[in-house]
Amino acid sequence: MKKMKQLFEKYKDFIMEVIHFGMVGVVNTLMGWVIMAVLYNLIHMNYWLSSGISYFIGSVFSYHANAKLTFKVENKDKWLPWRFAINIIVCYLIAFSVAQPLVTRLMSSGQKTYSQALIDNIAMLLGMCIFIVMNFFGQKIFVFRKIGHKKEKA
């Protein structure tokens, strides 16, 4: 038990970042999935447009929530929103560019034929999962990096 407490104390800041990122992410993901599902399934926008609009709206929320709650950014430089936007765009393009062909290949390799709508919905879910992991590390390392912030006690 003592070792667990020592490990927690050693990695407390990282653990709390992951927990806060997760809390923001749950809200963001639920909101994003509803927006994507409505745009794709009810309004009949295509894969890229429905996921893109959803991620744009979610990104605005995520930027403010993660800056304040997760990474506790106090010194906002003028490049912060640009780094955030670059991170979101790169993560989005990679995640959704990988997800759609992967799901299409996996679901079309058998004898059963699936509708494009089902393939796209599963691809959007997979894209979200890939995006979440890439986005956390992108925000931690690139966007809200600790350079220029208060120095920690040694």
N, C-alpha and C. Protein backbone atom coordinates (compact mmCIF):
# COMPACT_ATOMS: atom_id res chain seq x y z
N MET A 1 0.82 -1.19 0.00
CA MET A 1 0.00 0.00 0.00
C MET A 1 0.87 1.26 0.00
N LYS A 2 2.00 1.19 0.71
CA LYS A 2 2.90 2.33 0.78
C LYS A 2 3.49 2.63 -0.60
N LYS A 3 3.83 1.57 -1.34
CA LYS A 3 4.37 1.75 -2.69
C LYS A 3 3.34 2.37 -3.62
N MET A 4 2.08 1.98 -3.46
CA MET A 4 1.01 2.56 -4.28
C MET A 4 0.89 4.05 -4.00
N LYS A 5 0.96 4.42 -2.73
CA LYS A 5 0.86 5.82 -2.35
C LYS A 5 2.04 6.61 -2.92
N GLN A 6 3.24 6.02 -2.85
CA GLN A 6 4.43 6.68 -3.39
C GLN A 6 4.30 6.87 -4.91
N LEU A 7 3.81 5.83 -5.59
CA LEU A 7 3.62 5.93 -7.03
C LEU A 7 2.59 7.01 -7.37
N PHE A 8 1.50 7.03 -6.59
CA PHE A 8 0.48 8.05 -6.83
C PHE A 8 1.06 9.44 -6.63
N GLU A 9 1.80 9.64 -5.56
CA GLU A 9 2.39 10.96 -5.30
C GLU A 9 3.36 11.36 -6.41
N LYS A 10 4.12 10.39 -6.89
CA LYS A 10 5.09 10.68 -7.94
C LYS A 10 4.41 11.10 -9.25
N TYR A 11 3.31 10.44 -9.58
CA TYR A 11 2.62 10.69 -10.84
C TYR A 11 1.28 11.40 -10.66
N LYS A 12 1.09 12.03 -9.53
CA LYS A 12 -0.19 12.66 -9.19
C LYS A 12 -0.64 13.68 -10.25
N ASP A 13 0.27 14.56 -10.67
CA ASP A 13 -0.11 15.57 -11.65
C ASP A 13 -0.57 14.94 -12.96
N PHE A 14 0.16 13.93 -13.43
CA PHE A 14 -0.21 13.25 -14.67
C PHE A 14 -1.55 12.53 -14.50
N ILE A 15 -1.73 11.84 -13.38
CA ILE A 15 -2.98 11.11 -13.12
C ILE A 15 -4.16 12.07 -13.12
N MET A 16 -3.99 13.22 -12.46
CA MET A 16 -5.07 14.20 -12.41
C MET A 16 -5.35 14.79 -13.79
N GLU A 17 -4.30 14.99 -14.59
CA GLU A 17 -4.52 15.47 -15.96
C GLU A 17 -5.34 14.46 -16.76
N VAL A 18 -5.01 13.18 -16.61
CA VAL A 18 -5.74 12.14 -17.34
C VAL A 18 -7.20 12.11 -16.88
N ILE A 19 -7.43 12.21 -15.57
CA ILE A 19 -8.80 12.19 -15.04
C ILE A 19 -9.59 13.39 -15.54
N HIS A 20 -9.00 14.58 -15.44
CA HIS A 20 -9.70 15.78 -15.91
C HIS A 20 -9.93 15.74 -17.43
N PHE A 21 -8.92 15.31 -18.17
CA PHE A 21 -9.07 15.18 -19.62
C PHE A 21 -10.20 14.21 -19.93
N GLY A 22 -10.27 13.13 -19.16
CA GLY A 22 -11.35 12.15 -19.34
C GLY A 22 -12.72 12.73 -19.07
N MET A 23 -12.83 13.54 -18.00
CA MET A 23 -14.12 14.16 -17.68
C MET A 23 -14.56 15.11 -18.80
N VAL A 24 -13.63 15.95 -19.24
CA VAL A 24 -13.94 16.86 -20.35
C VAL A 24 -14.27 16.03 -21.59
N GLY A 25 -13.50 14.98 -21.80
CA GLY A 25 -13.68 14.13 -22.96
C GLY A 25 -15.01 13.40 -23.01
N VAL A 26 -15.51 12.97 -21.84
CA VAL A 26 -16.80 12.29 -21.80
C VAL A 26 -17.90 13.24 -22.27
N VAL A 27 -17.90 14.45 -21.72
CA VAL A 27 -18.89 15.44 -22.13
C VAL A 27 -18.73 15.76 -23.62
N ASN A 28 -17.50 16.00 -24.03
CA ASN A 28 -17.21 16.36 -25.41
C ASN A 28 -17.58 15.22 -26.37
N THR A 29 -17.27 14.00 -25.99
CA THR A 29 -17.55 12.84 -26.84
C THR A 29 -19.05 12.61 -27.00
N LEU A 30 -19.78 12.70 -25.89
CA LEU A 30 -21.23 12.53 -25.98
C LEU A 30 -21.86 13.61 -26.86
N MET A 31 -21.43 14.86 -26.63
CA MET A 31 -21.92 15.97 -27.44
C MET A 31 -21.53 15.76 -28.91
N GLY A 32 -20.29 15.38 -29.15
CA GLY A 32 -19.80 15.17 -30.51
C GLY A 32 -20.52 14.05 -31.22
N TRP A 33 -20.74 12.95 -30.51
CA TRP A 33 -21.41 11.81 -31.14
C TRP A 33 -22.85 12.16 -31.51
N VAL A 34 -23.54 12.87 -30.63
CA VAL A 34 -24.92 13.29 -30.94
C VAL A 34 -24.93 14.19 -32.18
N ILE A 35 -24.03 15.16 -32.21
CA ILE A 35 -23.97 16.07 -33.37
C ILE A 35 -23.65 15.29 -34.64
N MET A 36 -22.64 14.41 -34.58
CA MET A 36 -22.27 13.61 -35.77
C MET A 36 -23.42 12.73 -36.22
N ALA A 37 -24.05 12.05 -35.27
CA ALA A 37 -25.14 11.12 -35.61
C ALA A 37 -26.32 11.85 -36.23
N VAL A 38 -26.66 13.00 -35.67
CA VAL A 38 -27.77 13.78 -36.22
C VAL A 38 -27.43 14.27 -37.63
N LEU A 39 -26.24 14.84 -37.78
CA LEU A 39 -25.84 15.37 -39.10
C LEU A 39 -25.75 14.27 -40.15
N TYR A 40 -25.20 13.12 -39.77
CA TYR A 40 -25.01 12.04 -40.75
C TYR A 40 -26.31 11.27 -41.00
N ASN A 41 -26.97 10.84 -39.91
CA ASN A 41 -28.11 9.94 -40.04
C ASN A 41 -29.45 10.64 -40.27
N LEU A 42 -29.62 11.84 -39.76
CA LEU A 42 -30.91 12.51 -39.92
C LEU A 42 -30.89 13.59 -41.00
N ILE A 43 -29.79 14.35 -41.05
CA ILE A 43 -29.71 15.41 -42.04
C ILE A 43 -29.03 14.91 -43.32
N HIS A 44 -28.39 13.76 -43.23
CA HIS A 44 -27.76 13.08 -44.37
C HIS A 44 -26.57 13.83 -44.97
N MET A 45 -25.78 14.45 -44.09
CA MET A 45 -24.51 15.02 -44.53
C MET A 45 -23.54 13.85 -44.71
N ASN A 46 -22.48 14.06 -45.46
CA ASN A 46 -21.53 12.97 -45.67
C ASN A 46 -20.61 12.78 -44.44
N TYR A 47 -19.81 11.73 -44.50
CA TYR A 47 -18.89 11.33 -43.42
C TYR A 47 -18.00 12.49 -42.99
N TRP A 48 -17.34 13.13 -43.94
CA TRP A 48 -16.37 14.18 -43.62
C TRP A 48 -17.04 15.44 -43.08
N LEU A 49 -18.14 15.84 -43.66
CA LEU A 49 -18.81 17.06 -43.22
C LEU A 49 -19.44 16.89 -41.83
N SER A 50 -20.10 15.77 -41.60
CA SER A 50 -20.73 15.56 -40.30
C SER A 50 -19.69 15.42 -39.19
N SER A 51 -18.63 14.69 -39.44
CA SER A 51 -17.60 14.56 -38.40
C SER A 51 -16.82 15.86 -38.25
N GLY A 52 -16.57 16.57 -39.34
CA GLY A 52 -15.83 17.83 -39.28
C GLY A 52 -16.57 18.90 -38.48
N ILE A 53 -17.86 19.07 -38.74
CA ILE A 53 -18.65 20.06 -37.99
C ILE A 53 -18.68 19.70 -36.52
N SER A 54 -18.88 18.43 -36.24
CA SER A 54 -18.91 17.96 -34.85
C SER A 54 -17.59 18.26 -34.14
N TYR A 55 -16.48 18.00 -34.81
CA TYR A 55 -15.18 18.23 -34.18
C TYR A 55 -14.85 19.71 -34.05
N PHE A 56 -15.34 20.52 -34.94
CA PHE A 56 -15.14 21.97 -34.80
C PHE A 56 -15.86 22.48 -33.55
N ILE A 57 -17.12 22.10 -33.39
CA ILE A 57 -17.89 22.54 -32.22
C ILE A 57 -17.27 22.00 -30.94
N GLY A 58 -16.93 20.72 -30.94
CA GLY A 58 -16.32 20.11 -29.76
C GLY A 58 -14.97 20.70 -29.43
N SER A 59 -14.24 21.12 -30.44
CA SER A 59 -12.91 21.69 -30.22
C SER A 59 -12.96 23.02 -29.48
N VAL A 60 -13.95 23.82 -29.77
CA VAL A 60 -14.11 25.10 -29.07
C VAL A 60 -14.34 24.84 -27.58
N PHE A 61 -15.25 23.90 -27.29
CA PHE A 61 -15.51 23.52 -25.90
C PHE A 61 -14.25 22.95 -25.26
N SER A 62 -13.61 22.04 -25.94
CA SER A 62 -12.42 21.35 -25.41
C SER A 62 -11.28 22.32 -25.12
N TYR A 63 -11.08 23.28 -25.99
CA TYR A 63 -10.00 24.25 -25.80
C TYR A 63 -10.15 24.97 -24.47
N HIS A 64 -11.33 25.49 -24.23
CA HIS A 64 -11.54 26.26 -23.00
C HIS A 64 -11.53 25.36 -21.76
N ALA A 65 -12.18 24.21 -21.83
CA ALA A 65 -12.26 23.32 -20.68
C ALA A 65 -10.90 22.72 -20.32
N ASN A 66 -10.15 22.27 -21.32
CA ASN A 66 -8.85 21.67 -21.03
C ASN A 66 -7.81 22.71 -20.61
N ALA A 67 -7.88 23.90 -21.15
CA ALA A 67 -6.94 24.95 -20.74
C ALA A 67 -7.12 25.27 -19.27
N LYS A 68 -8.37 25.37 -18.83
CA LYS A 68 -8.64 25.75 -17.44
C LYS A 68 -8.59 24.56 -16.48
N LEU A 69 -9.29 23.49 -16.81
CA LEU A 69 -9.46 22.38 -15.88
C LEU A 69 -8.31 21.37 -15.92
N THR A 70 -7.94 20.94 -17.11
CA THR A 70 -6.97 19.84 -17.23
C THR A 70 -5.53 20.30 -17.08
N PHE A 71 -5.12 21.25 -17.89
CA PHE A 71 -3.72 21.64 -17.93
C PHE A 71 -3.43 22.93 -17.18
N LYS A 72 -4.48 23.55 -16.62
CA LYS A 72 -4.36 24.73 -15.76
C LYS A 72 -3.42 25.79 -16.33
N VAL A 73 -3.72 26.20 -17.54
CA VAL A 73 -2.89 27.19 -18.23
C VAL A 73 -3.18 28.56 -17.64
N GLU A 74 -2.12 29.20 -17.17
CA GLU A 74 -2.26 30.54 -16.60
C GLU A 74 -1.69 31.60 -17.54
N ASN A 75 -0.61 31.27 -18.20
CA ASN A 75 0.08 32.22 -19.07
C ASN A 75 -0.29 31.90 -20.52
N LYS A 76 -1.36 32.48 -21.01
CA LYS A 76 -1.80 32.20 -22.38
C LYS A 76 -1.03 33.07 -23.35
N ASP A 77 -0.22 32.44 -24.17
CA ASP A 77 0.47 33.20 -25.20
C ASP A 77 -0.39 33.26 -26.46
N LYS A 78 -0.05 34.16 -27.35
CA LYS A 78 -0.87 34.38 -28.55
C LYS A 78 -0.88 33.18 -29.48
N TRP A 79 0.08 32.27 -29.35
CA TRP A 79 0.16 31.10 -30.23
C TRP A 79 -0.64 29.92 -29.72
N LEU A 80 -1.12 29.98 -28.49
CA LEU A 80 -1.85 28.87 -27.89
C LEU A 80 -3.05 28.42 -28.74
N PRO A 81 -3.93 29.33 -29.15
CA PRO A 81 -5.07 28.88 -29.98
C PRO A 81 -4.62 28.27 -31.31
N TRP A 82 -3.53 28.78 -31.87
CA TRP A 82 -3.03 28.25 -33.14
C TRP A 82 -2.45 26.85 -32.96
N ARG A 83 -1.70 26.65 -31.87
CA ARG A 83 -1.18 25.30 -31.59
C ARG A 83 -2.33 24.33 -31.37
N PHE A 84 -3.36 24.80 -30.64
CA PHE A 84 -4.53 23.95 -30.39
C PHE A 84 -5.19 23.57 -31.71
N ALA A 85 -5.42 24.56 -32.58
CA ALA A 85 -6.07 24.30 -33.87
C ALA A 85 -5.26 23.34 -34.72
N ILE A 86 -3.95 23.54 -34.76
CA ILE A 86 -3.07 22.63 -35.53
C ILE A 86 -3.17 21.21 -34.98
N ASN A 87 -3.12 21.09 -33.65
CA ASN A 87 -3.23 19.77 -33.02
C ASN A 87 -4.55 19.10 -33.38
N ILE A 88 -5.65 19.83 -33.28
CA ILE A 88 -6.97 19.27 -33.57
C ILE A 88 -7.04 18.83 -35.03
N ILE A 89 -6.58 19.68 -35.94
CA ILE A 89 -6.64 19.36 -37.37
C ILE A 89 -5.81 18.13 -37.70
N VAL A 90 -4.59 18.08 -37.18
CA VAL A 90 -3.72 16.93 -37.46
C VAL A 90 -4.31 15.64 -36.88
N CYS A 91 -4.74 15.70 -35.62
CA CYS A 91 -5.33 14.50 -34.99
C CYS A 91 -6.59 14.06 -35.73
N TYR A 92 -7.44 15.02 -36.09
CA TYR A 92 -8.68 14.70 -36.81
C TYR A 92 -8.38 14.05 -38.16
N LEU A 93 -7.51 14.66 -38.94
CA LEU A 93 -7.22 14.13 -40.27
C LEU A 93 -6.60 12.73 -40.21
N ILE A 94 -5.67 12.54 -39.28
CA ILE A 94 -5.06 11.21 -39.16
C ILE A 94 -6.08 10.18 -38.68
N ALA A 95 -6.80 10.51 -37.60
CA ALA A 95 -7.74 9.54 -37.00
C ALA A 95 -8.83 9.12 -37.98
N PHE A 96 -9.45 10.10 -38.63
CA PHE A 96 -10.57 9.77 -39.51
C PHE A 96 -10.12 9.26 -40.87
N SER A 97 -8.91 9.61 -41.29
CA SER A 97 -8.37 9.05 -42.53
C SER A 97 -7.97 7.60 -42.36
N VAL A 98 -7.57 7.23 -41.17
CA VAL A 98 -7.22 5.83 -40.89
C VAL A 98 -8.48 5.01 -40.63
N ALA A 99 -9.44 5.58 -39.90
CA ALA A 99 -10.62 4.83 -39.47
C ALA A 99 -11.49 4.35 -40.63
N GLN A 100 -11.81 5.24 -41.55
CA GLN A 100 -12.75 4.86 -42.61
C GLN A 100 -12.22 3.74 -43.51
N PRO A 101 -11.00 3.84 -44.04
CA PRO A 101 -10.51 2.74 -44.87
C PRO A 101 -10.31 1.43 -44.09
N LEU A 102 -9.90 1.56 -42.82
CA LEU A 102 -9.70 0.37 -42.00
C LEU A 102 -11.02 -0.37 -41.77
N VAL A 103 -12.03 0.35 -41.36
CA VAL A 103 -13.33 -0.27 -41.13
C VAL A 103 -13.92 -0.80 -42.43
N THR A 104 -13.77 -0.05 -43.50
CA THR A 104 -14.27 -0.50 -44.81
C THR A 104 -13.61 -1.81 -45.21
N ARG A 105 -12.29 -1.87 -45.04
CA ARG A 105 -11.56 -3.10 -45.40
C ARG A 105 -11.98 -4.27 -44.52
N LEU A 106 -12.08 -4.04 -43.21
CA LEU A 106 -12.44 -5.12 -42.29
C LEU A 106 -13.86 -5.62 -42.53
N MET A 107 -14.78 -4.71 -42.80
CA MET A 107 -16.18 -5.11 -42.96
C MET A 107 -16.50 -5.62 -44.36
N SER A 108 -15.63 -5.37 -45.31
CA SER A 108 -15.90 -5.87 -46.66
C SER A 108 -15.08 -7.10 -46.99
N SER A 109 -14.28 -7.58 -46.02
CA SER A 109 -13.44 -8.74 -46.28
C SER A 109 -14.20 -10.07 -46.15
N GLY A 110 -15.35 -10.05 -45.52
CA GLY A 110 -16.14 -11.28 -45.36
C GLY A 110 -17.15 -11.43 -46.48
N GLN A 111 -18.03 -12.41 -46.30
CA GLN A 111 -19.03 -12.68 -47.32
C GLN A 111 -20.28 -11.82 -47.13
N LYS A 112 -20.47 -11.31 -45.93
CA LYS A 112 -21.64 -10.49 -45.65
C LYS A 112 -21.40 -9.06 -46.13
N THR A 113 -22.42 -8.44 -46.68
CA THR A 113 -22.33 -7.07 -47.17
C THR A 113 -23.01 -6.14 -46.16
N TYR A 114 -22.31 -5.08 -45.82
CA TYR A 114 -22.84 -4.10 -44.87
C TYR A 114 -23.12 -2.79 -45.60
N SER A 115 -24.09 -2.06 -45.08
CA SER A 115 -24.43 -0.77 -45.71
C SER A 115 -23.31 0.24 -45.46
N GLN A 116 -23.20 1.19 -46.36
CA GLN A 116 -22.20 2.25 -46.20
C GLN A 116 -22.47 3.05 -44.93
N ALA A 117 -23.75 3.23 -44.58
CA ALA A 117 -24.10 3.98 -43.37
C ALA A 117 -23.56 3.27 -42.12
N LEU A 118 -23.68 1.95 -42.05
CA LEU A 118 -23.16 1.21 -40.90
C LEU A 118 -21.64 1.31 -40.86
N ILE A 119 -21.00 1.13 -42.00
CA ILE A 119 -19.54 1.23 -42.08
C ILE A 119 -19.08 2.62 -41.62
N ASP A 120 -19.73 3.67 -42.11
CA ASP A 120 -19.36 5.03 -41.74
C ASP A 120 -19.58 5.31 -40.25
N ASN A 121 -20.69 4.82 -39.69
CA ASN A 121 -20.94 5.02 -38.26
C ASN A 121 -19.89 4.33 -37.40
N ILE A 122 -19.51 3.12 -37.76
CA ILE A 122 -18.46 2.40 -37.02
C ILE A 122 -17.13 3.11 -37.21
N ALA A 123 -16.86 3.58 -38.42
CA ALA A 123 -15.62 4.33 -38.68
C ALA A 123 -15.57 5.61 -37.86
N MET A 124 -16.70 6.29 -37.70
CA MET A 124 -16.72 7.51 -36.89
C MET A 124 -16.43 7.18 -35.42
N LEU A 125 -16.95 6.07 -34.93
CA LEU A 125 -16.63 5.65 -33.55
C LEU A 125 -15.15 5.33 -33.40
N LEU A 126 -14.60 4.57 -34.33
CA LEU A 126 -13.17 4.25 -34.28
C LEU A 126 -12.33 5.52 -34.41
N GLY A 127 -12.72 6.40 -35.33
CA GLY A 127 -12.02 7.67 -35.49
C GLY A 127 -12.00 8.47 -34.20
N MET A 128 -13.11 8.47 -33.48
CA MET A 128 -13.17 9.18 -32.20
C MET A 128 -12.17 8.58 -31.21
N CYS A 129 -12.08 7.26 -31.15
CA CYS A 129 -11.16 6.59 -30.22
C CYS A 129 -9.71 6.94 -30.55
N ILE A 130 -9.36 6.86 -31.80
CA ILE A 130 -7.99 7.20 -32.22
C ILE A 130 -7.71 8.66 -31.91
N PHE A 131 -8.67 9.52 -32.22
CA PHE A 131 -8.53 10.95 -31.98
C PHE A 131 -8.28 11.26 -30.51
N ILE A 132 -9.02 10.63 -29.62
CA ILE A 132 -8.90 10.90 -28.18
C ILE A 132 -7.47 10.68 -27.70
N VAL A 133 -6.89 9.56 -28.05
CA VAL A 133 -5.53 9.24 -27.60
C VAL A 133 -4.53 10.24 -28.19
N MET A 134 -4.61 10.46 -29.49
CA MET A 134 -3.67 11.40 -30.12
C MET A 134 -3.85 12.81 -29.57
N ASN A 135 -5.08 13.23 -29.36
CA ASN A 135 -5.38 14.57 -28.89
C ASN A 135 -4.84 14.82 -27.49
N PHE A 136 -4.96 13.84 -26.59
CA PHE A 136 -4.44 14.02 -25.23
C PHE A 136 -2.95 14.33 -25.27
N PHE A 137 -2.21 13.49 -25.97
CA PHE A 137 -0.76 13.68 -26.01
C PHE A 137 -0.38 14.93 -26.80
N GLY A 138 -1.13 15.25 -27.84
CA GLY A 138 -0.88 16.47 -28.58
C GLY A 138 -1.09 17.71 -27.72
N GLN A 139 -2.18 17.70 -26.93
CA GLN A 139 -2.44 18.84 -26.06
C GLN A 139 -1.39 18.93 -24.94
N LYS A 140 -1.02 17.80 -24.38
CA LYS A 140 -0.06 17.79 -23.27
C LYS A 140 1.34 18.22 -23.74
N ILE A 141 1.77 17.68 -24.87
CA ILE A 141 3.15 17.90 -25.32
C ILE A 141 3.29 19.16 -26.17
N PHE A 142 2.32 19.42 -27.04
CA PHE A 142 2.45 20.50 -28.02
C PHE A 142 1.67 21.76 -27.65
N VAL A 143 0.43 21.61 -27.24
CA VAL A 143 -0.43 22.78 -27.04
C VAL A 143 -0.21 23.44 -25.68
N PHE A 144 -0.46 22.70 -24.62
CA PHE A 144 -0.40 23.26 -23.27
C PHE A 144 0.88 22.88 -22.55
N ARG A 145 1.96 22.83 -23.27
CA ARG A 145 3.25 22.44 -22.68
C ARG A 145 3.61 23.41 -21.56
N LYS A 146 4.41 22.94 -20.65
CA LYS A 146 4.74 23.69 -19.44
C LYS A 146 5.82 24.74 -19.62
N ILE A 147 6.36 24.89 -20.80
CA ILE A 147 7.42 25.90 -21.04
C ILE A 147 6.86 27.28 -20.75
N GLY A 148 7.61 28.05 -19.96
CA GLY A 148 7.20 29.41 -19.67
C GLY A 148 6.23 29.54 -18.52
N HIS A 149 5.83 28.42 -17.94
CA HIS A 149 4.91 28.46 -16.81
C HIS A 149 5.70 28.46 -15.52
N LYS A 150 5.00 28.56 -14.40
CA LYS A 150 5.68 28.53 -13.12
C LYS A 150 6.54 27.29 -13.00
N LYS A 151 7.74 27.49 -12.51
CA LYS A 151 8.65 26.36 -12.34
C LYS A 151 8.24 25.59 -11.09
N GLU A 152 8.31 24.26 -11.22
CA GLU A 152 7.94 23.42 -10.08
C GLU A 152 9.08 23.41 -9.07
N LYS A 153 8.70 23.13 -7.83
CA LYS A 153 9.71 23.03 -6.79
C LYS A 153 10.57 21.79 -7.02
N ALA A 154 11.85 21.93 -6.79
CA ALA A 154 12.76 20.80 -7.01
C ALA A 154 12.79 19.88 -5.82
